[in-house]
Amino acid sequence: MGALIFYIGIYFLGYYAAYLINQLAGRIVIKNRRLLGLVAALAVGVIHGYKIISSPPPHHGDGAGYALALYVILPLTIIMAGVLFLRWQDKQDEEDGR
């Protein structure tokens, strides 16, 4: 649960960073803010995954693969599903509006 909250926070930092860049530029520089938020979360996930794989395993029975799946892959999969769902909803709204 903590990893999911962490990655959601990273996603929103990227999302609002794109919004801030667009506001400071006075025009649309980054068109898809959701994609930038997802890229930021994925970049942190890659770094986090590398850290899990390269560090020595803990002394309990769970291995690095379990930690990688639970703390990196699962939260990023949930965030990707949410972004894809919101993208699908936007496309449905655009089609209904036409």
Protein backbone atom coordinates (compact mmCIF):
# COMPACT_ATOMS: atom_id res chain seq x y z
CA MET A 1 0.00 0.00 0.00
CA GLY A 2 2.84 2.37 0.81
CA ALA A 3 4.54 1.74 -2.52
CA LEU A 4 1.29 2.48 -4.37
CA ILE A 5 0.90 5.79 -2.54
CA PHE A 6 4.56 6.61 -3.27
CA TYR A 7 4.19 5.97 -7.01
CA ILE A 8 0.88 7.84 -7.18
CA GLY A 9 2.68 10.79 -5.59
CA ILE A 10 5.44 10.56 -8.21
CA TYR A 11 2.78 10.37 -10.95
CA PHE A 12 1.08 13.54 -9.72
CA LEU A 13 4.42 15.34 -9.37
CA GLY A 14 5.09 14.64 -13.06
CA TYR A 15 1.52 15.55 -14.01
CA TYR A 16 1.61 18.90 -12.23
CA ALA A 17 5.16 19.60 -13.40
CA ALA A 18 3.86 19.39 -16.97
CA TYR A 19 1.02 21.74 -16.03
CA LEU A 20 3.48 24.18 -14.46
CA ILE A 21 5.75 24.07 -17.53
CA ASN A 22 2.76 24.85 -19.75
CA GLN A 23 1.72 27.74 -17.51
CA LEU A 24 5.21 29.22 -17.36
CA ALA A 25 5.66 28.95 -21.11
CA GLY A 26 2.29 30.55 -21.78
CA ARG A 27 1.45 27.92 -24.37
CA ILE A 28 1.08 24.16 -24.59
CA VAL A 29 4.59 22.71 -24.53
CA ILE A 30 3.64 19.30 -23.15
CA LYS A 31 0.34 18.20 -24.62
CA ASN A 32 -0.26 14.98 -22.69
CA ARG A 33 0.28 15.58 -18.98
CA ARG A 34 -0.89 12.10 -18.01
CA LEU A 35 1.81 10.55 -20.16
CA LEU A 36 4.51 12.68 -18.52
CA GLY A 37 3.26 11.63 -15.09
CA LEU A 38 3.38 7.99 -16.18
CA VAL A 39 6.90 8.41 -17.59
CA ALA A 40 8.05 9.96 -14.31
CA ALA A 41 6.57 7.07 -12.30
CA LEU A 42 8.13 4.52 -14.67
CA ALA A 43 11.54 6.22 -14.43
CA VAL A 44 11.45 6.13 -10.64
CA GLY A 45 10.25 2.51 -10.86
CA VAL A 46 13.23 1.54 -13.00
CA ILE A 47 15.63 3.15 -10.52
CA HIS A 48 13.81 1.55 -7.60
CA GLY A 49 13.85 -1.85 -9.32
CA TYR A 50 17.57 -1.55 -10.01
CA LYS A 51 18.17 -0.73 -6.36
CA ILE A 52 16.15 -3.78 -5.26
CA ILE A 53 17.99 -6.11 -7.65
CA SER A 54 21.49 -4.78 -6.91
CA SER A 55 21.24 -4.70 -3.11
CA PRO A 56 21.93 -7.82 -1.03
CA PRO A 57 18.81 -9.87 -0.26
CA PRO A 58 17.19 -9.54 3.15
CA HIS A 59 17.62 -12.25 5.75
CA HIS A 60 14.02 -13.44 5.63
CA GLY A 61 12.66 -15.96 3.11
CA ASP A 62 11.36 -13.55 0.46
CA GLY A 63 13.68 -12.90 -2.45
CA ALA A 64 14.36 -9.93 -4.66
CA GLY A 65 11.80 -11.08 -7.22
CA TYR A 66 9.03 -10.95 -4.63
CA ALA A 67 10.07 -7.46 -3.55
CA LEU A 68 10.32 -6.32 -7.16
CA ALA A 69 6.84 -7.62 -7.95
CA LEU A 70 5.20 -6.26 -4.81
CA TYR A 71 6.90 -2.87 -4.52
CA VAL A 72 7.51 -1.90 -8.17
CA ILE A 73 5.58 -3.92 -10.74
CA LEU A 74 2.21 -4.10 -8.95
CA PRO A 75 1.91 -0.35 -8.14
CA LEU A 76 3.06 0.67 -11.62
CA THR A 77 0.60 -1.75 -13.21
CA ILE A 78 -2.25 -0.23 -11.19
CA ILE A 79 -1.20 3.29 -12.20
CA MET A 80 -0.90 2.29 -15.86
CA ALA A 81 -4.38 0.74 -15.73
CA GLY A 82 -5.74 3.96 -14.25
CA VAL A 83 -4.09 6.12 -16.91
CA LEU A 84 -5.33 3.84 -19.70
CA PHE A 85 -8.84 3.92 -18.24
CA LEU A 86 -8.83 7.73 -18.09
CA ARG A 87 -7.51 7.88 -21.65
CA TRP A 88 -10.29 5.54 -22.78
CA GLN A 89 -12.86 7.73 -20.99
CA ASP A 90 -11.50 10.84 -22.74
CA LYS A 91 -11.80 9.14 -26.14
CA GLN A 92 -15.38 8.11 -25.34
CA ASP A 93 -16.22 11.70 -24.35
CA GLU A 94 -14.70 13.03 -27.58
CA GLU A 95 -16.69 10.55 -29.67
CA ASP A 96 -19.94 11.39 -27.85
CA GLY A 97 -19.33 15.11 -28.34
CA ARG A 98 -18.95 14.83 -32.12
